[in-house]
Amino acid sequence: MTVMPSLITSLQSAIRNVADVDLTGVVVYLFGSATRSRSPQDVDVIIRYPDRLDNSEAIALKNRLAQAIEAIADLPIDMTLLSDAEAVSTQFPVAESAIEIWPSRGHVAH
């Protein structure tokens, strides 16, 4: 994978600075061209949220994180929102070899 460390660091910083949102149990992944190219066309992000959140809370979380990430990104952002149950049943992060960037452990989904 050819992910630019500066992109991951910038995304982590943007997420960390969202002080008005409870990020307990939230996992954010980076996938797509940003993990394979030094000149990606966009930034693909998966937001995995705990099943305890209802749909309106999950959408509010996505919107708030989108604002924070868009403020620092020089590229279009494409965000996918998945509950824990959806992530497990679809295995989407695994299928996309997504990189976990929040919490900042840097693991590839498996």
C-alpha atoms as a PDB file:
ATOM      1  CA  MET A   1       0.000   0.000   0.000  1.00  0.00           C
ATOM      2  CA  THR A   2       1.262   3.456  -0.855  1.00  0.00           C
ATOM      3  CA  VAL A   3      -0.747   5.559   1.568  1.00  0.00           C
ATOM      4  CA  MET A   4       0.836   8.922   2.196  1.00  0.00           C
ATOM      5  CA  PRO A   5       1.462   9.201   5.948  1.00  0.00           C
ATOM      6  CA  SER A   6       0.632  12.905   5.816  1.00  0.00           C
ATOM      7  CA  LEU A   7      -2.892  12.103   4.572  1.00  0.00           C
ATOM      8  CA  ILE A   8      -3.515   9.669   7.429  1.00  0.00           C
ATOM      9  CA  THR A   9      -2.074  12.100   9.968  1.00  0.00           C
ATOM     10  CA  SER A  10      -4.270  14.921   8.613  1.00  0.00           C
ATOM     11  CA  LEU A  11      -7.383  12.746   8.719  1.00  0.00           C
ATOM     12  CA  GLN A  12      -6.622  11.608  12.262  1.00  0.00           C
ATOM     13  CA  SER A  13      -6.096  15.192  13.359  1.00  0.00           C
ATOM     14  CA  ALA A  14      -9.393  16.283  11.795  1.00  0.00           C
ATOM     15  CA  ILE A  15     -11.252  13.458  13.543  1.00  0.00           C
ATOM     16  CA  ARG A  16      -9.508  14.144  16.872  1.00  0.00           C
ATOM     17  CA  ASN A  17     -10.586  17.793  16.705  1.00  0.00           C
ATOM     18  CA  VAL A  18     -14.292  16.915  16.554  1.00  0.00           C
ATOM     19  CA  ALA A  19     -14.702  17.583  20.257  1.00  0.00           C
ATOM     20  CA  ASP A  20     -18.482  17.837  20.208  1.00  0.00           C
ATOM     21  CA  VAL A  21     -19.025  14.221  19.119  1.00  0.00           C
ATOM     22  CA  ASP A  22     -18.726  11.084  21.247  1.00  0.00           C
ATOM     23  CA  LEU A  23     -16.419   8.842  19.235  1.00  0.00           C
ATOM     24  CA  THR A  24     -16.599   5.925  21.662  1.00  0.00           C
ATOM     25  CA  GLY A  25     -16.855   2.755  19.587  1.00  0.00           C
ATOM     26  CA  VAL A  26     -16.462   4.600  16.273  1.00  0.00           C
ATOM     27  CA  VAL A  27     -13.947   3.179  13.806  1.00  0.00           C
ATOM     28  CA  VAL A  28     -12.876   5.120  10.709  1.00  0.00           C
ATOM     29  CA  TYR A  29     -11.209   3.400   7.764  1.00  0.00           C
ATOM     30  CA  LEU A  30      -9.464   4.711   4.661  1.00  0.00           C
ATOM     31  CA  PHE A  31      -9.810   2.694   1.445  1.00  0.00           C
ATOM     32  CA  GLY A  32      -9.795   3.019  -2.322  1.00  0.00           C
ATOM     33  CA  SER A  33      -7.331   4.984  -4.426  1.00  0.00           C
ATOM     34  CA  ALA A  34      -5.962   6.874  -1.409  1.00  0.00           C
ATOM     35  CA  THR A  35      -4.474   3.576  -0.186  1.00  0.00           C
ATOM     36  CA  ARG A  36      -3.014   2.611  -3.572  1.00  0.00           C
ATOM     37  CA  SER A  37      -1.896   5.813  -5.250  1.00  0.00           C
ATOM     38  CA  ARG A  38       0.259   8.807  -4.437  1.00  0.00           C
ATOM     39  CA  SER A  39      -2.174  10.886  -6.528  1.00  0.00           C
ATOM     40  CA  PRO A  40      -5.648   9.683  -5.549  1.00  0.00           C
ATOM     41  CA  GLN A  41      -8.737  11.111  -7.219  1.00  0.00           C
ATOM     42  CA  ASP A  42     -10.710  11.189  -3.963  1.00  0.00           C
ATOM     43  CA  VAL A  43     -10.643  10.086  -0.339  1.00  0.00           C
ATOM     44  CA  ASP A  44     -12.834   7.090   0.440  1.00  0.00           C
ATOM     45  CA  VAL A  45     -13.738   6.725   4.111  1.00  0.00           C
ATOM     46  CA  ILE A  46     -15.815   4.160   5.994  1.00  0.00           C
ATOM     47  CA  ILE A  47     -17.363   5.278   9.269  1.00  0.00           C
ATOM     48  CA  ARG A  48     -18.268   2.267  11.381  1.00  0.00           C
ATOM     49  CA  TYR A  49     -20.513   3.207  14.273  1.00  0.00           C
ATOM     50  CA  PRO A  50     -21.747   1.264  17.311  1.00  0.00           C
ATOM     51  CA  ASP A  51     -25.135  -0.409  17.030  1.00  0.00           C
ATOM     52  CA  ARG A  52     -26.319   1.614  20.066  1.00  0.00           C
ATOM     53  CA  LEU A  53     -26.711   4.684  17.821  1.00  0.00           C
ATOM     54  CA  ASP A  54     -29.992   5.130  16.001  1.00  0.00           C
ATOM     55  CA  ASN A  55     -30.133   6.226  12.353  1.00  0.00           C
ATOM     56  CA  SER A  56     -30.424   9.951  13.099  1.00  0.00           C
ATOM     57  CA  GLU A  57     -27.452   9.829  15.484  1.00  0.00           C
ATOM     58  CA  ALA A  58     -25.394   7.912  12.918  1.00  0.00           C
ATOM     59  CA  ILE A  59     -26.207  10.424  10.189  1.00  0.00           C
ATOM     60  CA  ALA A  60     -25.350  13.334  12.503  1.00  0.00           C
ATOM     61  CA  LEU A  61     -22.025  11.621  13.273  1.00  0.00           C
ATOM     62  CA  LYS A  62     -21.304  11.188   9.560  1.00  0.00           C
ATOM     63  CA  ASN A  63     -22.192  14.811   8.795  1.00  0.00           C
ATOM     64  CA  ARG A  64     -19.986  16.146  11.592  1.00  0.00           C
ATOM     65  CA  LEU A  65     -17.023  13.980  10.588  1.00  0.00           C
ATOM     66  CA  ALA A  66     -17.557  14.917   6.932  1.00  0.00           C
ATOM     67  CA  GLN A  67     -17.347  18.619   7.830  1.00  0.00           C
ATOM     68  CA  ALA A  68     -14.115  18.083   9.727  1.00  0.00           C
ATOM     69  CA  ILE A  69     -12.491  15.962   7.018  1.00  0.00           C
ATOM     70  CA  GLU A  70     -13.624  18.169   4.134  1.00  0.00           C
ATOM     71  CA  ALA A  71     -12.089  21.167   5.898  1.00  0.00           C
ATOM     72  CA  ILE A  72      -8.594  19.662   5.592  1.00  0.00           C
ATOM     73  CA  ALA A  73      -8.829  17.564   2.423  1.00  0.00           C
ATOM     74  CA  ASP A  74      -7.828  18.852  -0.984  1.00  0.00           C
ATOM     75  CA  LEU A  75      -9.804  16.052  -2.634  1.00  0.00           C
ATOM     76  CA  PRO A  76     -13.460  15.045  -2.827  1.00  0.00           C
ATOM     77  CA  ILE A  77     -14.575  12.877   0.099  1.00  0.00           C
ATOM     78  CA  ASP A  78     -16.730   9.774  -0.344  1.00  0.00           C
ATOM     79  CA  MET A  79     -18.056   8.491   2.986  1.00  0.00           C
ATOM     80  CA  THR A  80     -19.701   5.143   3.634  1.00  0.00           C
ATOM     81  CA  LEU A  81     -21.625   4.734   6.884  1.00  0.00           C
ATOM     82  CA  LEU A  82     -21.914   1.231   8.393  1.00  0.00           C
ATOM     83  CA  SER A  83     -23.216   0.011  11.713  1.00  0.00           C
ATOM     84  CA  ASP A  84     -21.135  -2.615  13.507  1.00  0.00           C
ATOM     85  CA  ALA A  85     -23.692  -5.232  12.449  1.00  0.00           C
ATOM     86  CA  GLU A  86     -23.520  -4.122   8.792  1.00  0.00           C
ATOM     87  CA  ALA A  87     -19.731  -4.123   8.815  1.00  0.00           C
ATOM     88  CA  VAL A  88     -19.691  -7.675  10.166  1.00  0.00           C
ATOM     89  CA  SER A  89     -22.391  -9.014   7.848  1.00  0.00           C
ATOM     90  CA  THR A  90     -21.086  -7.370   4.654  1.00  0.00           C
ATOM     91  CA  GLN A  91     -17.368  -7.597   5.477  1.00  0.00           C
ATOM     92  CA  PHE A  92     -17.012  -4.396   3.404  1.00  0.00           C
ATOM     93  CA  PRO A  93     -13.927  -3.043   5.233  1.00  0.00           C
ATOM     94  CA  VAL A  94     -12.230  -6.429   4.806  1.00  0.00           C
ATOM     95  CA  ALA A  95     -13.192  -6.761   1.140  1.00  0.00           C
ATOM     96  CA  GLU A  96     -11.759  -3.303   0.455  1.00  0.00           C
ATOM     97  CA  SER A  97      -8.544  -3.918   2.463  1.00  0.00           C
ATOM     98  CA  ALA A  98      -9.434  -0.763   4.347  1.00  0.00           C
ATOM     99  CA  ILE A  99      -6.892   0.770   6.733  1.00  0.00           C
ATOM    100  CA  GLU A 100      -8.130   1.635  10.202  1.00  0.00           C
ATOM    101  CA  ILE A 101      -7.191   5.263  10.890  1.00  0.00           C
ATOM    102  CA  TRP A 102      -9.368   5.895  13.952  1.00  0.00           C
ATOM    103  CA  PRO A 103      -8.671   4.912  16.606  1.00  0.00           C
ATOM    104  CA  SER A 104      -5.189   5.383  15.195  1.00  0.00           C
ATOM    105  CA  ARG A 105      -3.873   1.825  15.135  1.00  0.00           C
ATOM    106  CA  GLY A 106      -3.123   1.584  11.393  1.00  0.00           C
ATOM    107  CA  HIS A 107      -4.447  -1.975  10.995  1.00  0.00           C
ATOM    108  CA  VAL A 108      -5.739  -3.323   7.714  1.00  0.00           C
ATOM    109  CA  ALA A 109      -9.259  -4.704   8.148  1.00  0.00           C
ATOM    110  CA  HIS A 110      -9.350  -8.499   8.396  1.00  0.00           C
END
